[in-house]
Structures are given as structure tokens and as C-alpha cells.
Protein backbone atom coordinates (compact mmCIF):
# COMPACT_ATOMS: atom_id res chain seq x y z
CA MET A 1 -46.04 -30.55 -24.61
CA LEU A 2 -46.45 -26.80 -23.90
CA TRP A 3 -45.26 -27.26 -20.49
CA ASN A 4 -42.36 -29.42 -21.76
CA GLY A 5 -41.52 -26.80 -24.13
CA LEU A 6 -41.43 -24.12 -21.63
CA ALA A 7 -39.51 -26.15 -19.12
CA ALA A 8 -36.82 -26.53 -21.90
CA VAL A 9 -36.48 -22.84 -22.47
CA ILE A 10 -36.28 -22.22 -18.63
CA VAL A 11 -33.64 -24.83 -18.32
CA ALA A 12 -31.77 -23.30 -21.44
CA ALA A 13 -32.00 -19.70 -19.97
CA VAL A 14 -30.67 -20.94 -16.64
CA TRP A 15 -27.79 -22.65 -18.34
CA LEU A 16 -26.92 -19.88 -20.44
CA CYS A 17 -27.05 -17.58 -17.49
CA SER A 18 -24.97 -20.02 -15.40
CA SER A 19 -22.20 -20.02 -18.11
CA ALA A 20 -22.28 -16.47 -18.35
CA TRP A 21 -21.53 -16.21 -14.71
CA GLY A 22 -18.77 -18.75 -14.79
CA GLN A 23 -16.74 -16.80 -17.72
CA ALA A 24 -13.93 -14.60 -17.28
CA ALA A 25 -14.56 -10.92 -17.42
CA ASP A 26 -15.73 -9.41 -20.66
CA ALA A 27 -12.59 -8.82 -23.19
CA ALA A 28 -13.94 -5.32 -23.87
CA LEU A 29 -13.78 -4.66 -20.22
CA ILE A 30 -10.22 -6.17 -19.92
CA THR A 31 -9.05 -3.91 -22.80
CA ALA A 32 -10.31 -0.66 -21.30
CA ALA A 33 -9.20 -1.59 -17.98
CA LYS A 34 -5.76 -2.11 -19.30
CA SER A 35 -5.51 1.18 -21.14
CA GLU A 36 -6.33 2.70 -17.62
CA GLY A 37 -3.22 0.91 -16.09
CA ARG A 38 -3.96 1.07 -12.45
CA VAL A 39 -6.77 1.35 -9.87
CA THR A 40 -7.01 2.81 -6.33
CA TRP A 41 -8.73 0.63 -3.71
CA TYR A 42 -9.85 1.86 -0.39
CA THR A 43 -10.19 -1.18 2.06
CA THR A 44 -11.03 -2.38 5.31
CA GLN A 45 -9.40 -6.08 4.81
CA ILE A 46 -6.02 -6.72 6.48
CA ILE A 47 -3.27 -6.00 4.15
CA ASN A 48 -0.66 -8.61 4.94
CA GLN A 49 -3.42 -11.39 5.38
CA PHE A 50 -5.62 -10.28 1.97
CA VAL A 51 -4.91 -7.16 0.41
CA ARG A 52 -1.31 -7.48 -0.64
CA PRO A 53 -1.52 -10.87 -1.99
CA SER A 54 -4.96 -10.46 -3.78
CA ALA A 55 -3.44 -7.08 -5.46
CA GLU A 56 -0.45 -8.82 -6.72
CA ALA A 57 -2.60 -11.83 -7.97
CA PHE A 58 -4.50 -9.26 -9.92
CA GLU A 59 -1.51 -7.24 -11.20
CA THR A 60 -0.20 -10.50 -12.51
CA LYS A 61 -3.26 -11.65 -14.22
CA TYR A 62 -3.93 -8.19 -15.99
CA GLY A 63 -0.96 -6.02 -15.57
CA ILE A 64 -2.68 -3.14 -13.80
CA LYS A 65 -1.16 -1.59 -10.84
CA VAL A 66 -3.22 -1.59 -7.54
CA ASP A 67 -2.78 1.17 -5.19
CA TYR A 68 -4.72 0.45 -1.91
CA VAL A 69 -5.28 2.42 1.11
CA ARG A 70 -6.09 0.63 4.52
CA THR A 71 -8.70 2.52 6.61
CA ASN A 72 -11.65 1.70 8.87
CA THR A 73 -15.30 2.14 7.91
CA THR A 74 -15.92 5.46 9.21
CA GLU A 75 -12.60 6.99 7.99
CA LEU A 76 -13.06 5.41 4.58
CA VAL A 77 -16.79 6.90 4.27
CA LEU A 78 -15.60 10.41 5.36
CA ARG A 79 -12.74 10.27 3.05
CA ILE A 80 -14.77 9.13 0.01
CA GLU A 81 -17.53 11.91 0.87
CA ASN A 82 -14.82 14.58 1.08
CA GLU A 83 -13.14 13.71 -2.06
CA SER A 84 -16.68 13.58 -3.82
CA LYS A 85 -17.60 17.00 -2.42
CA ALA A 86 -14.04 18.47 -3.59
CA GLY A 87 -14.79 16.87 -7.01
CA ARG A 88 -11.35 15.05 -6.62
CA VAL A 89 -12.03 11.40 -6.26
CA GLN A 90 -9.05 9.43 -5.50
CA ALA A 91 -10.66 6.06 -4.78
CA ASP A 92 -11.99 3.65 -7.78
CA VAL A 93 -12.86 0.92 -5.57
CA PHE A 94 -14.03 0.58 -1.77
CA ASP A 95 -15.17 -2.23 0.55
CA GLY A 96 -16.55 -2.75 4.00
CA THR A 97 -19.52 -3.79 6.04
CA GLY A 98 -21.17 -0.70 6.66
CA ALA A 99 -19.50 2.06 4.10
CA ALA A 100 -21.72 1.49 1.11
CA GLY A 101 -24.91 2.44 2.73
CA ALA A 102 -24.09 5.68 3.68
CA LEU A 103 -22.22 6.07 0.46
CA LYS A 104 -25.24 5.28 -1.46
CA LYS A 105 -27.08 8.09 0.38
CA SER A 106 -24.53 10.62 -0.68
CA GLY A 107 -24.60 9.73 -4.20
CA ALA A 108 -20.53 8.42 -4.35
CA VAL A 109 -21.58 5.00 -5.66
CA LEU A 110 -21.82 3.87 -9.01
CA GLN A 111 -24.79 1.63 -9.97
CA TRP A 112 -23.16 -1.71 -11.02
CA VAL A 113 -22.45 -5.00 -10.10
CA PRO A 114 -20.49 -7.64 -12.00
CA GLU A 115 -22.63 -10.50 -13.39
CA ALA A 116 -20.47 -13.09 -11.90
CA ALA A 117 -21.68 -11.96 -8.50
CA ARG A 118 -25.24 -12.88 -9.13
CA ARG A 119 -24.66 -16.55 -8.77
CA PHE A 120 -24.26 -15.89 -5.17
CA GLY A 121 -27.95 -15.41 -4.85
CA GLN A 122 -30.04 -12.17 -3.67
CA THR A 123 -28.74 -12.04 0.02
CA TYR A 124 -25.18 -11.26 -1.20
CA VAL A 125 -26.21 -8.58 -4.19
CA ASP A 126 -27.50 -5.29 -3.70
CA PRO A 127 -31.13 -5.41 -5.34
CA GLU A 128 -30.45 -1.89 -6.17
CA GLY A 129 -27.24 -2.65 -7.98
CA TYR A 130 -24.55 -0.71 -5.92
CA TRP A 131 -22.53 -3.49 -4.15
CA ALA A 132 -21.59 -7.27 -4.26
CA ALA A 133 -20.60 -9.09 -1.35
CA THR A 134 -17.04 -10.68 -1.55
CA ASN A 135 -17.00 -12.38 2.00
CA VAL A 136 -18.95 -12.84 4.98
CA TYR A 137 -18.16 -12.07 8.74
CA VAL A 138 -19.79 -14.20 11.51
CA LEU A 139 -20.08 -12.57 14.70
CA THR A 140 -20.16 -14.89 17.80
CA PRO A 141 -18.88 -15.06 21.38
CA GLY A 142 -15.22 -16.09 21.72
CA TYR A 143 -13.65 -17.68 24.95
CA ASN A 144 -10.43 -18.58 26.54
CA THR A 145 -10.14 -22.19 26.67
CA ASP A 146 -7.70 -22.17 29.66
CA LEU A 147 -10.32 -20.50 31.39
CA ILE A 148 -13.40 -22.40 30.28
CA ALA A 149 -12.95 -25.92 29.62
CA LYS A 150 -14.53 -27.09 26.16
CA GLY A 151 -18.00 -28.23 27.01
CA LYS A 152 -18.59 -25.93 29.86
CA GLN A 153 -18.68 -22.83 27.88
CA PRO A 154 -21.97 -20.89 27.63
CA ARG A 155 -23.91 -22.21 24.58
CA THR A 156 -27.25 -20.07 24.50
CA TYR A 157 -28.14 -16.58 25.12
CA GLU A 158 -29.60 -17.49 28.58
CA ASP A 159 -26.41 -19.21 29.44
CA LEU A 160 -24.84 -15.92 29.24
CA LEU A 161 -27.02 -14.68 31.98
CA ASP A 162 -25.49 -17.45 34.51
CA ALA A 163 -24.20 -15.33 37.44
CA LYS A 164 -20.68 -16.98 37.19
CA TRP A 165 -20.09 -15.00 34.10
CA LYS A 166 -20.73 -11.63 35.75
CA GLY A 167 -17.61 -9.29 35.50
CA LYS A 168 -15.98 -11.75 33.02
CA ILE A 169 -17.29 -10.77 29.49
CA VAL A 170 -16.11 -8.01 27.24
CA TRP A 171 -17.32 -6.51 24.04
CA ASN A 172 -16.27 -3.50 21.83
CA ALA A 173 -18.25 -0.31 22.88
CA SER A 174 -17.94 1.34 19.32
CA GLN A 175 -21.12 2.06 17.11
CA VAL A 176 -20.35 -0.86 14.89
CA ALA A 177 -21.52 -4.49 13.99
CA ALA A 178 -18.44 -6.15 15.63
CA ALA A 179 -19.30 -4.76 18.84
CA GLY A 180 -22.14 -4.70 21.57
CA THR A 181 -24.36 -2.57 19.45
CA GLY A 182 -24.31 -5.26 17.10
CA PHE A 183 -24.93 -8.03 19.52
CA ILE A 184 -27.90 -5.78 20.69
CA GLY A 185 -29.31 -5.74 17.06
CA THR A 186 -28.96 -9.48 16.76
CA VAL A 187 -30.93 -9.78 20.06
CA LEU A 188 -33.62 -7.66 19.17
CA ALA A 189 -33.91 -9.20 15.65
CA ALA A 190 -33.99 -12.81 16.94
CA MET A 191 -36.27 -12.25 20.05
CA GLY A 192 -38.52 -9.16 18.88
CA GLU A 193 -38.39 -5.83 20.51
CA GLU A 194 -39.97 -6.54 23.69
CA LYS A 195 -38.65 -9.77 24.71
CA GLY A 196 -35.26 -8.93 23.39
CA LEU A 197 -35.19 -5.70 25.49
CA THR A 198 -36.15 -7.91 28.83
CA TYR A 199 -33.49 -10.18 27.84
CA LEU A 200 -30.77 -7.23 27.59
CA ARG A 201 -31.79 -5.69 30.84
CA LYS A 202 -30.84 -8.88 32.37
CA LEU A 203 -27.61 -9.10 30.51
CA ALA A 204 -26.79 -5.51 31.58
CA SER A 205 -26.47 -6.99 35.17
CA GLN A 206 -23.40 -9.06 34.10
CA ASN A 207 -21.26 -5.93 34.10
CA ILE A 208 -19.95 -6.39 30.76
CA ALA A 209 -16.78 -4.53 30.13
CA GLY A 210 -16.69 -2.16 27.05
CA ILE A 211 -13.40 -1.22 25.21
CA LEU A 212 -12.90 1.46 22.54
CA GLN A 213 -10.49 -0.31 20.46
CA ALA A 214 -10.43 -2.36 17.14
CA PRO A 215 -13.01 -5.05 17.29
CA ARG A 216 -9.93 -7.75 17.50
CA ALA A 217 -9.14 -6.32 20.70
CA GLY A 218 -11.84 -7.88 23.00
CA LEU A 219 -10.55 -11.30 21.63
CA ASP A 220 -7.21 -10.42 22.49
CA GLN A 221 -7.93 -9.36 26.09
CA VAL A 222 -9.74 -12.85 26.30
CA ILE A 223 -6.66 -14.77 25.07
CA ALA A 224 -4.62 -12.67 27.54
CA GLY A 225 -7.02 -14.01 30.53
CA GLU A 226 -8.23 -10.59 31.38
CA TYR A 227 -11.93 -11.72 30.54
CA ALA A 228 -13.15 -15.37 30.00
CA ILE A 229 -15.73 -14.44 27.12
CA ALA A 230 -15.73 -11.67 24.34
CA LEU A 231 -19.18 -11.11 22.62
CA ASN A 232 -19.67 -10.49 18.97
CA ILE A 233 -16.14 -11.18 17.79
CA PHE A 234 -15.14 -12.58 14.30
CA ASN A 235 -15.53 -16.31 14.82
CA HIS A 236 -12.70 -17.02 12.28
CA HIS A 237 -10.24 -14.72 14.58
CA THR A 238 -10.39 -17.47 17.17
CA VAL A 239 -9.54 -20.31 14.67
CA LEU A 240 -6.54 -18.12 13.32
CA SER A 241 -5.31 -17.28 17.17
CA ALA A 242 -5.92 -21.14 17.95
CA ALA A 243 -3.64 -22.09 15.05
CA GLN A 244 -0.89 -20.02 16.80
CA GLY A 245 -1.34 -21.82 20.19
CA ALA A 246 -3.54 -19.38 21.65
CA PRO A 247 -6.34 -20.60 24.03
CA SER A 248 -9.01 -19.39 22.01
CA ASP A 249 -12.40 -20.78 20.33
CA TRP A 250 -15.65 -19.69 19.32
CA ILE A 251 -19.44 -20.53 20.39
CA ALA A 252 -22.00 -21.40 17.80
CA LEU A 253 -24.87 -19.33 19.26
CA ASN A 254 -28.03 -19.58 17.47
CA PRO A 255 -28.77 -17.23 15.84
CA SER A 256 -25.39 -15.09 15.56
CA MET A 257 -24.97 -12.09 13.72
CA GLY A 258 -23.91 -12.34 9.96
CA THR A 259 -22.62 -9.32 8.19
CA LEU A 260 -21.43 -8.83 4.44
CA SER A 261 -18.18 -7.15 3.41
CA VAL A 262 -19.35 -5.74 0.10
CA ALA A 263 -17.31 -4.18 -2.79
CA SER A 264 -18.46 -1.05 -4.71
CA VAL A 265 -17.20 1.02 -7.75
CA THR A 266 -17.32 4.95 -6.87
CA LYS A 267 -19.37 7.04 -8.84
CA SER A 268 -16.54 9.42 -10.21
CA ALA A 269 -13.87 6.87 -10.30
CA PRO A 270 -10.65 8.14 -12.06
CA HIS A 271 -10.16 4.29 -13.45
CA PRO A 272 -13.81 2.95 -13.86
CA ASN A 273 -13.02 0.24 -15.98
CA ALA A 274 -10.22 -1.17 -13.78
CA ALA A 275 -12.36 -0.67 -10.93
CA LYS A 276 -15.17 -2.79 -12.37
CA LEU A 277 -12.54 -5.49 -13.33
CA LEU A 278 -11.05 -5.42 -9.82
CA VAL A 279 -14.51 -6.17 -8.35
CA ASP A 280 -15.08 -8.68 -11.03
CA PHE A 281 -11.98 -10.34 -10.02
CA LEU A 282 -12.71 -10.41 -6.19
CA VAL A 283 -16.16 -12.28 -6.67
CA SER A 284 -14.69 -14.61 -9.37
CA GLU A 285 -13.83 -18.10 -8.27
CA GLU A 286 -10.32 -17.10 -8.26
CA GLY A 287 -10.71 -14.35 -5.76
CA GLN A 288 -12.97 -16.25 -3.55
CA VAL A 289 -10.14 -18.89 -3.38
CA LEU A 290 -7.90 -15.98 -2.35
CA PHE A 291 -10.27 -15.10 0.35
CA ARG A 292 -10.34 -18.64 1.44
CA ASP A 293 -6.46 -18.96 1.48
CA ALA A 294 -6.49 -15.61 3.60
CA ASP A 295 -8.72 -17.57 6.18
CA TYR A 296 -11.62 -15.42 5.63
CA ILE A 297 -15.16 -16.94 4.89
CA PRO A 298 -15.96 -16.49 1.02
CA VAL A 299 -19.34 -15.83 -0.31
CA ASP A 300 -19.23 -18.58 -2.87
CA GLU A 301 -20.66 -21.77 -1.32
CA ASN A 302 -18.67 -23.68 -3.77
CA VAL A 303 -15.52 -22.36 -1.93
CA PRO A 304 -15.70 -23.42 1.67
CA PRO A 305 -13.38 -21.76 4.26
CA ARG A 306 -10.72 -23.73 5.69
CA ASP A 307 -12.54 -24.54 8.64
CA PRO A 308 -16.26 -25.25 7.06
CA SER A 309 -17.74 -24.96 10.37
CA LEU A 310 -17.12 -21.25 10.57
CA ARG A 311 -19.82 -20.61 8.06
CA PRO A 312 -23.58 -20.98 9.20
CA ASP A 313 -25.49 -24.07 7.49
CA GLY A 314 -28.81 -23.03 8.79
CA LYS A 315 -29.08 -26.35 10.81
CA ARG A 316 -26.30 -26.85 13.12
CA PHE A 317 -25.32 -23.20 13.37
CA SER A 318 -27.59 -20.29 11.98
CA ALA A 319 -27.29 -16.58 11.60
CA ILE A 320 -29.16 -13.43 10.84
CA TRP A 321 -27.59 -11.44 7.86
CA PHE A 322 -27.47 -7.98 7.95
CA THR A 323 -27.03 -5.91 4.66
CA PRO A 324 -24.82 -2.66 4.96
CA GLU A 325 -27.99 -0.61 4.44
CA GLU A 326 -29.72 -2.57 7.53
CA VAL A 327 -26.76 -1.81 9.72
CA GLU A 328 -26.73 1.65 8.90
CA ALA A 329 -30.48 2.22 9.62
CA LYS A 330 -30.50 0.25 12.65
CA MET A 331 -27.51 1.31 14.27
CA PRO A 332 -29.05 4.57 15.78
CA HIS A 333 -31.56 2.48 17.62
CA TRP A 334 -28.91 -0.35 18.72
CA SER A 335 -26.71 2.62 19.93
CA GLU A 336 -29.62 4.05 21.87
CA VAL A 337 -30.46 0.79 23.68
CA TYR A 338 -26.68 0.35 24.25
CA ARG A 339 -26.42 3.82 26.01
CA GLU A 340 -29.46 3.38 28.03
CA LEU A 341 -28.56 -0.20 29.33
CA PHE A 342 -25.20 -0.58 29.25
CA ARG A 343 -23.42 2.62 30.08
């Protein structure tokens, strides 16, 4: 009887929490956000693909103007840190895969996450309460289907060591996750330091080309036929390109790298309530559908991407997930290995 009563309490608590997660934003927050009237969003997402349509949807829903600034992670961090030091913060909300870790250290992030995000599980919400994941990026090899017939592509890490791929592989040379450094990090995490380094020394003999451009550039060069394979590219980019007729596909390399694109509110946000409401909107079911419709991979498992195979299922296709803090903490070592073996 005692157990049955306890079980009933637990079920009720879970139901109440689930119900709260499914509800719209708190009415008091909506009222306060509307009184602020606008919100400034520093974003790493693509404007035409996602930012503009999601901003328009938010404005239509709440009547709050969204001002957005598109930048990369490095510039975003520098900009917010400089604004914070000067006491003139402009950004209310920011997103990205690597900014949150650095900005938490500098004290520029508000300790707050929307309750709605907690339905995603521990992997996707900062245990310290500074960020919530909005979408995920899965980094895999991509290849040119004109140069490599489907079924002939490398399928494992060992396959990449085949001599026939020497001089035919490219990756980004920047110190970001979507680059050679991220590939190195995944290898070390999957194989362990000793075995991983042994593998990477062998891989170095493949004469991988490193390019200092946007992460997408490696795949573009593969599509153009300059290389056969690009490592650690966003797997959904190959699907987008293939839909437009490009000879591109991705490889479910096990395990691949998974990174989280997270959203946070700045600590001194000029419009803190509108900022919270925007983050709440991005993690809501409506926001997750917008990510899906923009051909991103949503965090919400109940909102599958248009191509469900893109998201690791832990069976056919697996990933090692890295939080923003882990990427920032481990990047110096990954970069050191890159400089030692691949430059």
C-alpha cells in the first residue's frame, strides 16, 4: 500500500511537470516582454534559412520586434565581452555551439533556462542553468557521389586510411568543432588518447588538405570535384545540396561528433523578459517545428528532422555529444594535436 501510494505521487508529479513543460510561456512573462517591445538576438544561424522566418513568427505571435545580428562564434563572444566590459550590452539573446562556455566564464550569461526545455533531458540543458539546446549538429564525412559510387564510400575510421584516399580528403583548418580539430576530438574520445593518437598519426599520412574558410566550404569543394571526401561537415548540408541536384551524400561514421547549438540570455540584457520569451519560443514545439522546416535537426525527439536518418539513434548511427563547455575546455588539446600532426 505504501509503495502504491508513493508510485501514485510520483506519477502525479511527473504528469504535473510534463503538463507545465507543454504549456505556453507564463502570462506574466509575456506581459513583461510585450512592455519591453523588442529584443536583440546575436545568432550564428543562417538568416534566410532560419533566423528571418523564426523572427517573423515570434513577432506575429507576440508583437515584439526582433533585431538580429548574424556573426560567427568567435566574433559573437568578442562582441558580447566588449559590450559587457563597457557596460553597454546590446545583445539580449545569443546562440551557437561554442559561445556559451566562454561567456559563462566571463560572467556575461544570465543563469536561467526555460522550464519547457527540461523536457529534452539532461544532455540538452546546462546543469548549471545557463543555456538550453535549440538544435543539434551532427558532424560526419561528406562525399562526392560522382567521384565515389554509393556503396564504395569509406564506412569506418579504418577505411579512411586506405591509400586510395590519399590527397583526396579535405577539412576545415580552424579551431572549431566543425573542422579537423573536432574530428581529432571525436577520435580521441572514441578510441582513447593512446589508440587515438596512433590512429591520427596514420591518418596524417593521407595528406589531408586544410582550408581556413567557413565550415561549409569543405563540402562545397567536394561538390565541385576538387576533393572526394570532406571530414567533419554538417551532415544535413549534404542533404540540402543533394536536394538541389548536387552530387553529395554523408557517411554514418560510428561514432560521429554531435554538438549542441544552445541559446542563452545575456546577464545585463536590455530587454530581459523579451529575451527569456524568445528562448522559450525557440525551445517550444512551435520553435522546434521551425527548426525542422528550415532543415535543421531539432532537439525535441517528438519533432524529427525531415530526413530522420540525420539524427543519431544510438543503434544504426551513434554520436558522441559535446557540450559547449567541453568543446571550449578540450579545444586547446585538439588544436595542439592538429598542429603537431597535420601542419
